[in-house]
Amino acid sequence: MDTPVLIAGGGPVGLWLAQVLSWYGQRSMLIEERADTTEFPKMDVTNGRSMELFRLAGLAGPVRALGCP
């Protein structure tokens, strides 16, 4: 297997990094130690800059829909 970038961790930062690398045509492999989801979120606050990044990825609407009222 020839993967130039290995990303350790499937939290918000690891997932975002994998997405950004793919936009630039860079192959990567993301590994996560857990096989299932956690009951304790890795991200519990979304600030303005995070929402800018979600908007860039086309995800601002779905993120807002899942947020607290």
N, C-alpha and C. Protein backbone atom coordinates (compact mmCIF):
# COMPACT_ATOMS: atom_id res chain seq x y z
N MET A 1 0.84 -1.17 0.00
CA MET A 1 0.00 0.00 0.00
C MET A 1 0.90 1.24 0.00
N ASP A 2 0.60 2.14 -0.90
CA ASP A 2 1.39 3.37 -1.01
C ASP A 2 0.48 4.57 -0.78
N THR A 3 0.42 5.01 0.47
CA THR A 3 -0.40 6.17 0.83
C THR A 3 0.52 7.24 1.39
N PRO A 4 0.58 8.41 0.75
CA PRO A 4 1.53 9.44 1.18
C PRO A 4 1.21 10.08 2.53
N VAL A 5 -0.07 10.09 2.93
CA VAL A 5 -0.44 10.74 4.19
C VAL A 5 -1.27 9.78 5.02
N LEU A 6 -0.87 9.58 6.27
CA LEU A 6 -1.62 8.78 7.22
C LEU A 6 -2.17 9.72 8.28
N ILE A 7 -3.48 9.69 8.47
CA ILE A 7 -4.13 10.55 9.46
C ILE A 7 -4.58 9.65 10.60
N ALA A 8 -4.11 9.95 11.80
CA ALA A 8 -4.46 9.15 12.98
C ALA A 8 -5.58 9.85 13.73
N GLY A 9 -6.77 9.27 13.69
CA GLY A 9 -7.90 9.81 14.44
C GLY A 9 -9.00 10.33 13.54
N GLY A 10 -10.21 9.82 13.77
CA GLY A 10 -11.36 10.22 12.98
C GLY A 10 -12.25 11.23 13.67
N GLY A 11 -11.64 12.10 14.46
CA GLY A 11 -12.40 13.19 15.08
C GLY A 11 -12.59 14.32 14.08
N PRO A 12 -13.11 15.44 14.53
CA PRO A 12 -13.37 16.56 13.63
C PRO A 12 -12.15 17.02 12.84
N VAL A 13 -10.99 17.08 13.47
CA VAL A 13 -9.79 17.57 12.79
C VAL A 13 -9.30 16.56 11.76
N GLY A 14 -9.26 15.29 12.13
CA GLY A 14 -8.80 14.26 11.20
C GLY A 14 -9.70 14.15 9.98
N LEU A 15 -11.02 14.18 10.21
CA LEU A 15 -11.96 14.11 9.10
C LEU A 15 -11.83 15.32 8.19
N TRP A 16 -11.67 16.50 8.79
CA TRP A 16 -11.53 17.72 7.99
C TRP A 16 -10.24 17.67 7.17
N LEU A 17 -9.15 17.23 7.78
CA LEU A 17 -7.89 17.15 7.07
C LEU A 17 -8.00 16.21 5.87
N ALA A 18 -8.64 15.07 6.05
CA ALA A 18 -8.83 14.13 4.95
C ALA A 18 -9.62 14.77 3.81
N GLN A 19 -10.64 15.54 4.16
CA GLN A 19 -11.46 16.22 3.15
C GLN A 19 -10.64 17.25 2.38
N VAL A 20 -9.91 18.09 3.10
CA VAL A 20 -9.12 19.14 2.45
C VAL A 20 -8.05 18.53 1.55
N LEU A 21 -7.38 17.49 2.02
CA LEU A 21 -6.37 16.83 1.19
C LEU A 21 -6.99 16.30 -0.10
N SER A 22 -8.20 15.75 0.00
CA SER A 22 -8.85 15.21 -1.21
C SER A 22 -9.17 16.31 -2.22
N TRP A 23 -9.49 17.52 -1.73
CA TRP A 23 -9.75 18.63 -2.65
C TRP A 23 -8.52 18.94 -3.49
N TYR A 24 -7.35 18.71 -2.93
CA TYR A 24 -6.09 18.97 -3.64
C TYR A 24 -5.54 17.74 -4.33
N GLY A 25 -6.35 16.69 -4.41
CA GLY A 25 -5.93 15.48 -5.10
C GLY A 25 -4.91 14.64 -4.35
N GLN A 26 -4.77 14.90 -3.07
CA GLN A 26 -3.79 14.17 -2.26
C GLN A 26 -4.46 12.97 -1.60
N ARG A 27 -3.93 11.79 -1.89
CA ARG A 27 -4.48 10.59 -1.27
C ARG A 27 -4.05 10.50 0.18
N SER A 28 -4.95 10.00 1.01
CA SER A 28 -4.63 9.82 2.42
C SER A 28 -5.38 8.60 2.95
N MET A 29 -4.93 8.14 4.10
CA MET A 29 -5.64 7.07 4.79
C MET A 29 -5.87 7.55 6.22
N LEU A 30 -7.12 7.44 6.66
CA LEU A 30 -7.48 7.84 8.01
C LEU A 30 -7.72 6.58 8.82
N ILE A 31 -7.10 6.50 9.98
CA ILE A 31 -7.33 5.36 10.86
C ILE A 31 -7.93 5.86 12.17
N GLU A 32 -8.83 5.08 12.72
CA GLU A 32 -9.51 5.41 13.97
C GLU A 32 -9.52 4.15 14.83
N GLU A 33 -9.18 4.29 16.10
CA GLU A 33 -9.10 3.11 16.95
C GLU A 33 -10.46 2.52 17.28
N ARG A 34 -11.50 3.32 17.27
CA ARG A 34 -12.83 2.81 17.61
C ARG A 34 -13.54 2.29 16.36
N ALA A 35 -14.22 1.17 16.51
CA ALA A 35 -14.98 0.60 15.40
C ALA A 35 -16.40 1.15 15.35
N ASP A 36 -16.83 1.81 16.42
CA ASP A 36 -18.19 2.35 16.47
C ASP A 36 -18.13 3.81 16.92
N THR A 37 -19.28 4.42 17.00
CA THR A 37 -19.33 5.81 17.43
C THR A 37 -19.26 5.87 18.96
N THR A 38 -18.92 7.02 19.46
CA THR A 38 -18.82 7.21 20.91
C THR A 38 -20.05 7.93 21.43
N GLU A 39 -20.39 7.67 22.67
CA GLU A 39 -21.52 8.40 23.26
C GLU A 39 -21.10 9.79 23.73
N PHE A 40 -19.79 10.03 23.78
CA PHE A 40 -19.27 11.33 24.20
C PHE A 40 -18.67 12.04 23.00
N PRO A 41 -19.30 13.10 22.53
CA PRO A 41 -18.82 13.79 21.33
C PRO A 41 -17.39 14.30 21.48
N LYS A 42 -16.67 14.29 20.37
CA LYS A 42 -15.32 14.85 20.36
C LYS A 42 -15.37 16.36 20.11
N MET A 43 -16.53 16.84 19.73
CA MET A 43 -16.69 18.27 19.45
C MET A 43 -18.03 18.68 20.02
N ASP A 44 -18.04 19.60 20.97
CA ASP A 44 -19.31 19.99 21.57
C ASP A 44 -19.65 21.47 21.37
N VAL A 45 -18.73 22.23 20.82
CA VAL A 45 -18.97 23.65 20.55
C VAL A 45 -18.52 23.95 19.13
N THR A 46 -19.37 24.65 18.40
CA THR A 46 -19.02 25.06 17.04
C THR A 46 -18.96 26.58 17.02
N ASN A 47 -17.77 27.11 16.77
CA ASN A 47 -17.62 28.56 16.75
C ASN A 47 -17.77 29.10 15.32
N GLY A 48 -17.63 30.39 15.19
CA GLY A 48 -17.80 31.03 13.88
C GLY A 48 -16.83 30.52 12.83
N ARG A 49 -15.59 30.32 13.19
CA ARG A 49 -14.59 29.83 12.22
C ARG A 49 -14.93 28.41 11.78
N SER A 50 -15.38 27.59 12.71
CA SER A 50 -15.79 26.23 12.34
C SER A 50 -16.93 26.27 11.33
N MET A 51 -17.89 27.15 11.54
CA MET A 51 -19.01 27.25 10.61
C MET A 51 -18.54 27.75 9.24
N GLU A 52 -17.53 28.61 9.19
CA GLU A 52 -16.97 29.02 7.90
C GLU A 52 -16.41 27.81 7.15
N LEU A 53 -15.73 26.94 7.88
CA LEU A 53 -15.17 25.74 7.25
C LEU A 53 -16.28 24.79 6.80
N PHE A 54 -17.32 24.64 7.62
CA PHE A 54 -18.45 23.80 7.20
C PHE A 54 -19.13 24.38 5.96
N ARG A 55 -19.24 25.70 5.90
CA ARG A 55 -19.84 26.35 4.73
C ARG A 55 -18.99 26.08 3.49
N LEU A 56 -17.68 26.18 3.62
CA LEU A 56 -16.76 25.89 2.52
C LEU A 56 -16.94 24.47 2.00
N ALA A 57 -17.21 23.54 2.91
CA ALA A 57 -17.39 22.14 2.53
C ALA A 57 -18.82 21.82 2.10
N GLY A 58 -19.71 22.82 2.14
CA GLY A 58 -21.10 22.57 1.77
C GLY A 58 -21.89 21.87 2.86
N LEU A 59 -21.43 21.98 4.10
CA LEU A 59 -22.06 21.26 5.20
C LEU A 59 -22.74 22.16 6.23
N ALA A 60 -22.75 23.46 6.02
CA ALA A 60 -23.30 24.37 7.02
C ALA A 60 -24.77 24.09 7.30
N GLY A 61 -25.56 23.84 6.27
CA GLY A 61 -26.98 23.55 6.46
C GLY A 61 -27.23 22.32 7.31
N PRO A 62 -26.63 21.16 6.94
CA PRO A 62 -26.83 19.96 7.76
C PRO A 62 -26.32 20.12 9.19
N VAL A 63 -25.22 20.83 9.39
CA VAL A 63 -24.70 21.03 10.74
C VAL A 63 -25.68 21.86 11.56
N ARG A 64 -26.21 22.93 10.96
CA ARG A 64 -27.20 23.76 11.67
C ARG A 64 -28.45 22.95 12.00
N ALA A 65 -28.88 22.11 11.07
CA ALA A 65 -30.10 21.31 11.29
C ALA A 65 -29.94 20.34 12.46
N LEU A 66 -28.73 19.89 12.71
CA LEU A 66 -28.49 18.94 13.80
C LEU A 66 -28.13 19.62 15.12
N GLY A 67 -27.97 20.94 15.09
CA GLY A 67 -27.55 21.67 16.28
C GLY A 67 -28.68 21.88 17.27
N CYS A 68 -28.32 22.43 18.40
CA CYS A 68 -29.31 22.73 19.44
C CYS A 68 -30.13 23.94 19.02
N PRO A 69 -31.40 23.94 19.40
CA PRO A 69 -32.25 25.09 19.05
C PRO A 69 -31.87 26.35 19.80
